[in-house]
Amino acid sequence: MKVGFIGIGAMGEPMALNMARAGISLVVWNRTAGKTDALVAAGARAVEKAEHVFEATQIVVLMLATEEAIDSVLQRGTPEFATLVRGRTIVQMGTVSPEYSRLLEQDIDAVQGRYVEAPVSGSKKPAEDGLLIAMLAGAPEAVETIQPLLEPVCRQWFDCGSVPNALLMKFSVNLFLITMVTGLVEAFHFAERHALNLEKFAAILDAGPMASGVSRMKLSKLVSKDFALQAGITDVLKNNQLIAEAARKSQLASPLLDACHALYGETQALGLGYSDMVAVLRAIEARTDTPG
């Protein structure tokens, strides 16, 4: 079975590489052609246009950053949309609004295509290691069809029922992740400004019940002031905004999320959008160092 993969970015590239290395026959396209070189070396076939991916495959994975990019690749709103999608399974793995995903499913169903919502939990390193967690939603037969594709990419996956429940589940998980990491960064800032031994602070946290893979990874980056991207500030801010909008539409309070939203916005304004999320430390430091 040939599989299409569109969107070779920070997450898409390692995901597609793991698929190719596992022997899945991939046809790939990216707006920036050079991004596909590593995939071609791993056995994938790169094509010149996005529509060529659809012509060559029955399952197309989309790992695109925005709703506008998805609509553009699918040529949604044009007669070509039906030609591209009919008879194919579209696997949408990016993070979008639940409302957008629900309407996209309706449009794909209307032209006799199949849609699977498949966002993932995890950042660049788990993507490279094939240890992402996938949340799936869609028609049961479509969800079952794509599960073999996830084996090289994900440590585990969960069927969340109907669209948009996979995205809402990811939002719930990411709300915890964002507030947890921000709390860790604030605790680090507190310890640092009190001139404590930061290696000992990290060791104590690592020895206690709050320790996790995330805390270990992020603490190491904080101690070494390593802000190289794993989960970028811009992406975290986008996720935060989507979760906040979903909360408002359901009339839910989200006080911790709202505080984080302000901090990540301040971090981006400092020019750190492409730094790892632990760079939120700089926004916390700026608040400390600003009188009043």
C-alpha atoms as a PDB file:
ATOM      1  CA  MET A   1       0.000   0.000   0.000  1.00  0.00           C
ATOM      2  CA  LYS A   2       1.359   3.411  -0.975  1.00  0.00           C
ATOM      3  CA  VAL A   3       0.819   6.216   1.509  1.00  0.00           C
ATOM      4  CA  GLY A   4       1.044   9.949   0.905  1.00  0.00           C
ATOM      5  CA  PHE A   5       2.632  12.312   3.421  1.00  0.00           C
ATOM      6  CA  ILE A   6       2.335  16.095   3.090  1.00  0.00           C
ATOM      7  CA  GLY A   7       3.974  18.487   5.547  1.00  0.00           C
ATOM      8  CA  ILE A   8       7.664  17.795   6.236  1.00  0.00           C
ATOM      9  CA  GLY A   9       8.224  20.137   9.175  1.00  0.00           C
ATOM     10  CA  ALA A  10       9.741  19.783  12.641  1.00  0.00           C
ATOM     11  CA  MET A  11       7.269  17.014  13.516  1.00  0.00           C
ATOM     12  CA  GLY A  12       6.359  15.746  10.063  1.00  0.00           C
ATOM     13  CA  GLU A  13       9.912  14.933   8.983  1.00  0.00           C
ATOM     14  CA  PRO A  14      10.766  12.485  11.804  1.00  0.00           C
ATOM     15  CA  MET A  15       7.298  10.921  11.595  1.00  0.00           C
ATOM     16  CA  ALA A  16       7.600  10.351   7.845  1.00  0.00           C
ATOM     17  CA  LEU A  17      11.187   9.108   8.235  1.00  0.00           C
ATOM     18  CA  ASN A  18      10.076   6.484  10.738  1.00  0.00           C
ATOM     19  CA  MET A  19       7.380   5.326   8.319  1.00  0.00           C
ATOM     20  CA  ALA A  20       9.832   5.111   5.414  1.00  0.00           C
ATOM     21  CA  ARG A  21      12.454   3.273   7.470  1.00  0.00           C
ATOM     22  CA  ALA A  22       9.792   0.781   8.538  1.00  0.00           C
ATOM     23  CA  GLY A  23       9.209  -0.121   4.894  1.00  0.00           C
ATOM     24  CA  ILE A  24       6.031   1.859   4.246  1.00  0.00           C
ATOM     25  CA  SER A  25       5.979   3.010   0.615  1.00  0.00           C
ATOM     26  CA  LEU A  26       5.739   6.796   0.928  1.00  0.00           C
ATOM     27  CA  VAL A  27       4.982   9.454  -1.650  1.00  0.00           C
ATOM     28  CA  VAL A  28       5.855  12.855  -0.186  1.00  0.00           C
ATOM     29  CA  TRP A  29       5.495  16.541  -0.951  1.00  0.00           C
ATOM     30  CA  ASN A  30       6.470  19.691   0.856  1.00  0.00           C
ATOM     31  CA  ARG A  31       6.145  23.325  -0.199  1.00  0.00           C
ATOM     32  CA  THR A  32       9.933  23.671   0.292  1.00  0.00           C
ATOM     33  CA  ALA A  33      11.296  20.909  -1.917  1.00  0.00           C
ATOM     34  CA  GLY A  34      14.655  20.494  -0.125  1.00  0.00           C
ATOM     35  CA  LYS A  35      12.844  19.319   2.995  1.00  0.00           C
ATOM     36  CA  THR A  36      12.171  15.954   1.329  1.00  0.00           C
ATOM     37  CA  ASP A  37      15.839  15.044   0.694  1.00  0.00           C
ATOM     38  CA  ALA A  38      16.259  12.919   3.850  1.00  0.00           C
ATOM     39  CA  LEU A  39      13.037  11.085   3.055  1.00  0.00           C
ATOM     40  CA  VAL A  40      14.140  10.310  -0.488  1.00  0.00           C
ATOM     41  CA  ALA A  41      17.391   8.939   0.945  1.00  0.00           C
ATOM     42  CA  ALA A  42      15.269   6.707   3.220  1.00  0.00           C
ATOM     43  CA  GLY A  43      13.327   5.317   0.247  1.00  0.00           C
ATOM     44  CA  ALA A  44      10.387   7.688  -0.171  1.00  0.00           C
ATOM     45  CA  ARG A  45       9.411   9.190  -3.541  1.00  0.00           C
ATOM     46  CA  ALA A  46       9.136  12.970  -3.719  1.00  0.00           C
ATOM     47  CA  VAL A  47       6.742  14.562  -6.215  1.00  0.00           C
ATOM     48  CA  GLU A  48       6.595  18.081  -7.631  1.00  0.00           C
ATOM     49  CA  LYS A  49       2.989  18.933  -6.773  1.00  0.00           C
ATOM     50  CA  ALA A  50       0.688  18.118  -3.863  1.00  0.00           C
ATOM     51  CA  GLU A  51      -1.973  16.733  -6.198  1.00  0.00           C
ATOM     52  CA  HIS A  52       0.509  14.113  -7.418  1.00  0.00           C
ATOM     53  CA  VAL A  53       0.497  12.640  -3.920  1.00  0.00           C
ATOM     54  CA  PHE A  54      -3.256  12.060  -4.148  1.00  0.00           C
ATOM     55  CA  GLU A  55      -2.985  10.589  -7.629  1.00  0.00           C
ATOM     56  CA  ALA A  56      -0.455   7.997  -6.424  1.00  0.00           C
ATOM     57  CA  THR A  57      -1.980   6.914  -3.096  1.00  0.00           C
ATOM     58  CA  GLN A  58      -5.181   5.912  -1.317  1.00  0.00           C
ATOM     59  CA  ILE A  59      -4.225   7.205   2.139  1.00  0.00           C
ATOM     60  CA  VAL A  60      -2.844  10.735   2.557  1.00  0.00           C
ATOM     61  CA  VAL A  61      -1.392  11.944   5.854  1.00  0.00           C
ATOM     62  CA  LEU A  62      -1.449  15.699   6.454  1.00  0.00           C
ATOM     63  CA  MET A  63       0.908  17.186   9.046  1.00  0.00           C
ATOM     64  CA  LEU A  64       0.387  20.860   8.265  1.00  0.00           C
ATOM     65  CA  ALA A  65       0.682  23.872  10.552  1.00  0.00           C
ATOM     66  CA  THR A  66      -2.494  25.792   9.728  1.00  0.00           C
ATOM     67  CA  GLU A  67      -6.060  25.339   8.554  1.00  0.00           C
ATOM     68  CA  GLU A  68      -5.266  27.542   5.564  1.00  0.00           C
ATOM     69  CA  ALA A  69      -2.437  25.207   4.535  1.00  0.00           C
ATOM     70  CA  ILE A  70      -4.753  22.184   4.773  1.00  0.00           C
ATOM     71  CA  ASP A  71      -7.422  23.887   2.656  1.00  0.00           C
ATOM     72  CA  SER A  72      -4.806  24.880   0.084  1.00  0.00           C
ATOM     73  CA  VAL A  73      -3.384  21.359  -0.268  1.00  0.00           C
ATOM     74  CA  LEU A  74      -6.868  19.833  -0.515  1.00  0.00           C
ATOM     75  CA  GLN A  75      -7.989  22.620  -2.879  1.00  0.00           C
ATOM     76  CA  ARG A  76     -11.052  22.861  -0.675  1.00  0.00           C
ATOM     77  CA  GLY A  77     -13.796  25.045  -2.082  1.00  0.00           C
ATOM     78  CA  THR A  78     -12.898  24.204  -5.682  1.00  0.00           C
ATOM     79  CA  PRO A  79     -14.113  21.455  -8.042  1.00  0.00           C
ATOM     80  CA  GLU A  80     -10.690  19.791  -7.708  1.00  0.00           C
ATOM     81  CA  PHE A  81     -11.382  19.016  -4.025  1.00  0.00           C
ATOM     82  CA  ALA A  82     -13.715  16.148  -4.945  1.00  0.00           C
ATOM     83  CA  THR A  83     -11.227  14.765  -7.462  1.00  0.00           C
ATOM     84  CA  LEU A  84      -8.436  14.698  -4.890  1.00  0.00           C
ATOM     85  CA  VAL A  85     -10.431  13.323  -1.969  1.00  0.00           C
ATOM     86  CA  ARG A  86     -13.011  10.913  -3.439  1.00  0.00           C
ATOM     87  CA  GLY A  87     -12.240   7.307  -2.520  1.00  0.00           C
ATOM     88  CA  ARG A  88      -9.276   8.264  -0.335  1.00  0.00           C
ATOM     89  CA  THR A  89      -8.665   8.357   3.403  1.00  0.00           C
ATOM     90  CA  ILE A  90      -7.404  11.734   4.628  1.00  0.00           C
ATOM     91  CA  VAL A  91      -5.517  11.497   7.922  1.00  0.00           C
ATOM     92  CA  GLN A  92      -5.334  14.955   9.505  1.00  0.00           C
ATOM     93  CA  MET A  93      -2.602  14.928  12.200  1.00  0.00           C
ATOM     94  CA  GLY A  94      -2.125  18.648  12.759  1.00  0.00           C
ATOM     95  CA  THR A  95      -3.619  20.732  15.555  1.00  0.00           C
ATOM     96  CA  VAL A  96      -6.649  22.711  14.377  1.00  0.00           C
ATOM     97  CA  SER A  97      -9.892  23.920  15.900  1.00  0.00           C
ATOM     98  CA  PRO A  98     -12.550  21.287  16.634  1.00  0.00           C
ATOM     99  CA  GLU A  99     -15.078  23.243  14.552  1.00  0.00           C
ATOM    100  CA  TYR A 100     -12.780  23.247  11.534  1.00  0.00           C
ATOM    101  CA  SER A 101     -12.163  19.509  11.848  1.00  0.00           C
ATOM    102  CA  ARG A 102     -15.875  18.739  12.094  1.00  0.00           C
ATOM    103  CA  LEU A 103     -16.660  20.758   8.952  1.00  0.00           C
ATOM    104  CA  LEU A 104     -13.720  19.226   7.081  1.00  0.00           C
ATOM    105  CA  GLU A 105     -15.054  15.752   7.869  1.00  0.00           C
ATOM    106  CA  GLN A 106     -18.467  16.758   6.537  1.00  0.00           C
ATOM    107  CA  ASP A 107     -16.942  18.087   3.304  1.00  0.00           C
ATOM    108  CA  ILE A 108     -14.857  14.953   2.786  1.00  0.00           C
ATOM    109  CA  ASP A 109     -17.838  12.684   3.488  1.00  0.00           C
ATOM    110  CA  ALA A 110     -19.908  14.656   0.975  1.00  0.00           C
ATOM    111  CA  VAL A 111     -17.514  13.753  -1.862  1.00  0.00           C
ATOM    112  CA  GLN A 112     -17.242  10.114  -0.741  1.00  0.00           C
ATOM    113  CA  GLY A 113     -13.881  10.303   0.945  1.00  0.00           C
ATOM    114  CA  ARG A 114     -12.989   9.161   4.468  1.00  0.00           C
ATOM    115  CA  TYR A 115     -11.579  11.301   7.237  1.00  0.00           C
ATOM    116  CA  VAL A 116      -9.546  10.419  10.319  1.00  0.00           C
ATOM    117  CA  GLU A 117      -8.647  13.018  12.919  1.00  0.00           C
ATOM    118  CA  ALA A 118      -5.298  11.915  14.377  1.00  0.00           C
ATOM    119  CA  PRO A 119      -3.496  14.542  16.492  1.00  0.00           C
ATOM    120  CA  VAL A 120      -0.482  13.399  18.487  1.00  0.00           C
ATOM    121  CA  SER A 121       0.928  14.123  21.920  1.00  0.00           C
ATOM    122  CA  GLY A 122       4.674  14.598  22.070  1.00  0.00           C
ATOM    123  CA  SER A 123       7.374  16.918  20.767  1.00  0.00           C
ATOM    124  CA  LYS A 124      10.294  16.583  18.354  1.00  0.00           C
ATOM    125  CA  LYS A 125      12.346  14.059  20.388  1.00  0.00           C
ATOM    126  CA  PRO A 126       9.468  11.559  20.885  1.00  0.00           C
ATOM    127  CA  ALA A 127       8.675  12.000  17.189  1.00  0.00           C
ATOM    128  CA  GLU A 128      12.256  11.075  16.299  1.00  0.00           C
ATOM    129  CA  ASP A 129      12.124   8.055  18.621  1.00  0.00           C
ATOM    130  CA  GLY A 130       8.731   6.841  17.385  1.00  0.00           C
ATOM    131  CA  LEU A 131       7.209   7.371  20.833  1.00  0.00           C
ATOM    132  CA  LEU A 132       4.316   9.726  20.132  1.00  0.00           C
ATOM    133  CA  ILE A 133       0.822   9.114  21.505  1.00  0.00           C
ATOM    134  CA  ALA A 134      -1.951   9.339  18.903  1.00  0.00           C
ATOM    135  CA  MET A 135      -5.596  10.142  19.502  1.00  0.00           C
ATOM    136  CA  LEU A 136      -7.906   8.958  16.738  1.00  0.00           C
ATOM    137  CA  ALA A 137     -11.448   9.892  15.759  1.00  0.00           C
ATOM    138  CA  GLY A 138     -13.588   9.040  12.775  1.00  0.00           C
ATOM    139  CA  ALA A 139     -15.548   6.184  11.250  1.00  0.00           C
ATOM    140  CA  PRO A 140     -14.410   2.888  12.849  1.00  0.00           C
ATOM    141  CA  GLU A 141     -13.401   1.280   9.548  1.00  0.00           C
ATOM    142  CA  ALA A 142     -11.294   4.311   8.595  1.00  0.00           C
ATOM    143  CA  VAL A 143      -9.608   4.407  12.004  1.00  0.00           C
ATOM    144  CA  GLU A 144      -8.819   0.695  11.760  1.00  0.00           C
ATOM    145  CA  THR A 145      -7.326   1.138   8.282  1.00  0.00           C
ATOM    146  CA  ILE A 146      -4.695   3.633   9.386  1.00  0.00           C
ATOM    147  CA  GLN A 147      -3.541   1.919  12.576  1.00  0.00           C
ATOM    148  CA  PRO A 148      -0.699  -0.029  10.873  1.00  0.00           C
ATOM    149  CA  LEU A 149       0.763   3.284   9.720  1.00  0.00           C
ATOM    150  CA  LEU A 150       1.072   4.422  13.322  1.00  0.00           C
ATOM    151  CA  GLU A 151       3.235   1.542  14.532  1.00  0.00           C
ATOM    152  CA  PRO A 152       6.564   3.114  13.454  1.00  0.00           C
ATOM    153  CA  VAL A 153       5.473   6.532  14.725  1.00  0.00           C
ATOM    154  CA  CYS A 154       3.581   6.021  17.982  1.00  0.00           C
ATOM    155  CA  ARG A 155       4.167   4.159  21.211  1.00  0.00           C
ATOM    156  CA  GLN A 156       0.416   3.937  21.706  1.00  0.00           C
ATOM    157  CA  TRP A 157      -2.829   5.175  20.202  1.00  0.00           C
ATOM    158  CA  PHE A 158      -6.363   5.587  21.479  1.00  0.00           C
ATOM    159  CA  ASP A 159      -9.691   5.536  19.657  1.00  0.00           C
ATOM    160  CA  CYS A 160     -11.559   8.587  20.944  1.00  0.00           C
ATOM    161  CA  GLY A 161     -14.802   7.992  19.024  1.00  0.00           C
ATOM    162  CA  SER A 162     -16.287  10.577  16.705  1.00  0.00           C
ATOM    163  CA  VAL A 163     -14.778  13.803  15.344  1.00  0.00           C
ATOM    164  CA  PRO A 164     -13.743  16.159  16.993  1.00  0.00           C
ATOM    165  CA  ASN A 165     -13.166  14.128  20.179  1.00  0.00           C
ATOM    166  CA  ALA A 166      -9.533  13.342  19.310  1.00  0.00           C
ATOM    167  CA  LEU A 167      -8.711  17.044  19.152  1.00  0.00           C
ATOM    168  CA  LEU A 168     -10.627  17.781  22.342  1.00  0.00           C
ATOM    169  CA  MET A 169      -8.705  14.977  24.031  1.00  0.00           C
ATOM    170  CA  LYS A 170      -5.415  16.440  22.820  1.00  0.00           C
ATOM    171  CA  PHE A 171      -6.471  19.848  24.123  1.00  0.00           C
ATOM    172  CA  SER A 172      -7.152  18.316  27.545  1.00  0.00           C
ATOM    173  CA  VAL A 173      -3.713  16.662  27.574  1.00  0.00           C
ATOM    174  CA  ASN A 174      -1.958  19.800  26.335  1.00  0.00           C
ATOM    175  CA  LEU A 175      -3.660  21.978  28.938  1.00  0.00           C
ATOM    176  CA  PHE A 176      -1.960  19.847  31.589  1.00  0.00           C
ATOM    177  CA  LEU A 177       1.360  19.887  29.712  1.00  0.00           C
ATOM    178  CA  ILE A 178       1.425  23.666  29.247  1.00  0.00           C
ATOM    179  CA  THR A 179       0.526  24.492  32.835  1.00  0.00           C
ATOM    180  CA  MET A 180       2.883  21.801  34.199  1.00  0.00           C
ATOM    181  CA  VAL A 181       5.921  22.981  32.230  1.00  0.00           C
ATOM    182  CA  THR A 182       5.182  26.640  33.007  1.00  0.00           C
ATOM    183  CA  GLY A 183       4.978  25.783  36.717  1.00  0.00           C
ATOM    184  CA  LEU A 184       8.292  23.948  36.473  1.00  0.00           C
ATOM    185  CA  VAL A 185       9.920  26.971  34.817  1.00  0.00           C
ATOM    186  CA  GLU A 186       8.563  29.310  37.497  1.00  0.00           C
ATOM    187  CA  ALA A 187       9.879  26.994  40.242  1.00  0.00           C
ATOM    188  CA  PHE A 188      13.278  26.981  38.515  1.00  0.00           C
ATOM    189  CA  HIS A 189      13.240  30.786  38.374  1.00  0.00           C
ATOM    190  CA  PHE A 190      12.438  30.923  42.102  1.00  0.00           C
ATOM    191  CA  ALA A 191      15.330  28.584  42.913  1.00  0.00           C
ATOM    192  CA  GLU A 192      17.760  30.389  40.623  1.00  0.00           C
ATOM    193  CA  ARG A 193      16.991  33.848  41.977  1.00  0.00           C
ATOM    194  CA  HIS A 194      17.527  32.527  45.502  1.00  0.00           C
ATOM    195  CA  ALA A 195      21.000  31.356  44.406  1.00  0.00           C
ATOM    196  CA  LEU A 196      20.261  27.712  45.149  1.00  0.00           C
ATOM    197  CA  ASN A 197      22.304  24.886  43.664  1.00  0.00           C
ATOM    198  CA  LEU A 198      20.366  24.217  40.468  1.00  0.00           C
ATOM    199  CA  GLU A 199      21.814  20.760  39.847  1.00  0.00           C
ATOM    200  CA  LYS A 200      20.704  19.786  43.360  1.00  0.00           C
ATOM    201  CA  PHE A 201      17.271  21.336  42.747  1.00  0.00           C
ATOM    202  CA  ALA A 202      16.945  19.194  39.616  1.00  0.00           C
ATOM    203  CA  ALA A 203      18.144  16.077  41.450  1.00  0.00           C
ATOM    204  CA  ILE A 204      15.627  16.583  44.264  1.00  0.00           C
ATOM    205  CA  LEU A 205      12.748  17.026  41.828  1.00  0.00           C
ATOM    206  CA  ASP A 206      13.934  14.009  39.867  1.00  0.00           C
ATOM    207  CA  ALA A 207      13.967  11.883  43.030  1.00  0.00           C
ATOM    208  CA  GLY A 208      10.457  12.873  44.069  1.00  0.00           C
ATOM    209  CA  PRO A 209       6.913  11.961  43.037  1.00  0.00           C
ATOM    210  CA  MET A 210       6.602  14.856  40.537  1.00  0.00           C
ATOM    211  CA  ALA A 211       9.354  13.470  38.302  1.00  0.00           C
ATOM    212  CA  SER A 212       8.464  12.524  34.746  1.00  0.00           C
ATOM    213  CA  GLY A 213      10.058  12.235  31.335  1.00  0.00           C
ATOM    214  CA  VAL A 214       8.941  15.790  30.618  1.00  0.00           C
ATOM    215  CA  SER A 215      10.287  17.241  33.866  1.00  0.00           C
ATOM    216  CA  ARG A 216      13.664  15.548  33.396  1.00  0.00           C
ATOM    217  CA  MET A 217      14.001  16.772  29.818  1.00  0.00           C
ATOM    218  CA  LYS A 218      12.896  20.323  30.553  1.00  0.00           C
ATOM    219  CA  LEU A 219      14.909  20.655  33.768  1.00  0.00           C
ATOM    220  CA  SER A 220      18.058  19.621  31.922  1.00  0.00           C
ATOM    221  CA  LYS A 221      17.383  22.318  29.332  1.00  0.00           C
ATOM    222  CA  LEU A 222      16.732  24.931  32.012  1.00  0.00           C
ATOM    223  CA  VAL A 223      19.898  24.168  33.970  1.00  0.00           C
ATOM    224  CA  SER A 224      22.025  24.417  30.816  1.00  0.00           C
ATOM    225  CA  LYS A 225      19.969  27.340  29.397  1.00  0.00           C
ATOM    226  CA  ASP A 226      19.403  25.253  26.283  1.00  0.00           C
ATOM    227  CA  PHE A 227      16.434  26.763  24.446  1.00  0.00           C
ATOM    228  CA  ALA A 228      16.870  24.697  21.254  1.00  0.00           C
ATOM    229  CA  LEU A 229      13.452  23.798  19.892  1.00  0.00           C
ATOM    230  CA  GLN A 230      11.591  20.703  20.970  1.00  0.00           C
ATOM    231  CA  ALA A 231       8.138  22.219  21.429  1.00  0.00           C
ATOM    232  CA  GLY A 232       8.362  25.789  20.162  1.00  0.00           C
ATOM    233  CA  ILE A 233       6.929  28.911  21.789  1.00  0.00           C
ATOM    234  CA  THR A 234       4.891  29.761  18.668  1.00  0.00           C
ATOM    235  CA  ASP A 235       3.337  26.289  18.584  1.00  0.00           C
ATOM    236  CA  VAL A 236       2.607  26.329  22.317  1.00  0.00           C
ATOM    237  CA  LEU A 237       0.977  29.745  21.976  1.00  0.00           C
ATOM    238  CA  LYS A 238      -1.164  28.470  19.090  1.00  0.00           C
ATOM    239  CA  ASN A 239      -2.235  25.418  21.109  1.00  0.00           C
ATOM    240  CA  ASN A 240      -2.945  27.585  24.127  1.00  0.00           C
ATOM    241  CA  GLN A 241      -5.151  29.870  22.029  1.00  0.00           C
ATOM    242  CA  LEU A 242      -7.100  26.958  20.515  1.00  0.00           C
ATOM    243  CA  ILE A 243      -7.690  25.401  23.936  1.00  0.00           C
ATOM    244  CA  ALA A 244      -8.778  28.747  25.401  1.00  0.00           C
ATOM    245  CA  GLU A 245     -11.233  29.283  22.535  1.00  0.00           C
ATOM    246  CA  ALA A 246     -12.680  25.794  23.060  1.00  0.00           C
ATOM    247  CA  ALA A 247     -13.052  26.549  26.767  1.00  0.00           C
ATOM    248  CA  ARG A 248     -14.852  29.834  26.076  1.00  0.00           C
ATOM    249  CA  LYS A 249     -17.253  28.210  23.628  1.00  0.00           C
ATOM    250  CA  SER A 250     -18.163  25.671  26.308  1.00  0.00           C
ATOM    251  CA  GLN A 251     -18.322  28.396  28.990  1.00  0.00           C
ATOM    252  CA  LEU A 252     -15.515  26.778  30.979  1.00  0.00           C
ATOM    253  CA  ALA A 253     -13.129  28.592  33.297  1.00  0.00           C
ATOM    254  CA  SER A 254      -9.423  28.165  32.476  1.00  0.00           C
ATOM    255  CA  PRO A 255      -7.507  30.404  34.906  1.00  0.00           C
ATOM    256  CA  LEU A 256      -4.137  28.634  34.729  1.00  0.00           C
ATOM    257  CA  LEU A 257      -4.290  28.384  30.953  1.00  0.00           C
ATOM    258  CA  ASP A 258      -5.085  32.102  30.698  1.00  0.00           C
ATOM    259  CA  ALA A 259      -2.052  32.997  32.810  1.00  0.00           C
ATOM    260  CA  CYS A 260       0.130  30.801  30.588  1.00  0.00           C
ATOM    261  CA  HIS A 261      -1.317  32.377  27.458  1.00  0.00           C
ATOM    262  CA  ALA A 262      -0.147  35.789  28.610  1.00  0.00           C
ATOM    263  CA  LEU A 263       3.342  34.503  29.453  1.00  0.00           C
ATOM    264  CA  TYR A 264       3.861  32.707  26.133  1.00  0.00           C
ATOM    265  CA  GLY A 265       2.613  35.777  24.282  1.00  0.00           C
ATOM    266  CA  GLU A 266       5.198  37.857  26.142  1.00  0.00           C
ATOM    267  CA  THR A 267       7.887  35.294  25.295  1.00  0.00           C
ATOM    268  CA  GLN A 268       7.045  35.455  21.607  1.00  0.00           C
ATOM    269  CA  ALA A 269       7.141  39.261  21.756  1.00  0.00           C
ATOM    270  CA  LEU A 270      10.731  38.934  22.994  1.00  0.00           C
ATOM    271  CA  GLY A 271      11.611  37.321  19.649  1.00  0.00           C
ATOM    272  CA  LEU A 272      11.751  33.765  21.007  1.00  0.00           C
ATOM    273  CA  GLY A 273       8.970  32.198  18.935  1.00  0.00           C
ATOM    274  CA  TYR A 274      11.254  29.485  17.557  1.00  0.00           C
ATOM    275  CA  SER A 275      12.825  28.637  20.910  1.00  0.00           C
ATOM    276  CA  ASP A 276      11.703  25.761  23.095  1.00  0.00           C
ATOM    277  CA  MET A 277       8.815  26.366  25.465  1.00  0.00           C
ATOM    278  CA  VAL A 278      11.197  26.563  28.448  1.00  0.00           C
ATOM    279  CA  ALA A 279      12.210  29.965  27.029  1.00  0.00           C
ATOM    280  CA  VAL A 280       9.093  31.219  28.836  1.00  0.00           C
ATOM    281  CA  LEU A 281      11.682  31.670  31.576  1.00  0.00           C
ATOM    282  CA  ARG A 282      12.672  34.911  29.830  1.00  0.00           C
ATOM    283  CA  ALA A 283       9.147  36.333  30.173  1.00  0.00           C
ATOM    284  CA  ILE A 284       9.063  35.416  33.873  1.00  0.00           C
ATOM    285  CA  GLU A 285      12.489  37.027  34.352  1.00  0.00           C
ATOM    286  CA  ALA A 286      11.281  40.163  32.556  1.00  0.00           C
ATOM    287  CA  ARG A 287       8.347  40.440  34.958  1.00  0.00           C
ATOM    288  CA  THR A 288      10.684  40.040  37.943  1.00  0.00           C
ATOM    289  CA  ASP A 289      13.097  42.628  36.603  1.00  0.00           C
ATOM    290  CA  THR A 290      10.456  45.223  35.693  1.00  0.00           C
ATOM    291  CA  PRO A 291       9.617  47.468  38.663  1.00  0.00           C
ATOM    292  CA  GLY A 292       5.898  47.392  39.496  1.00  0.00           C
END
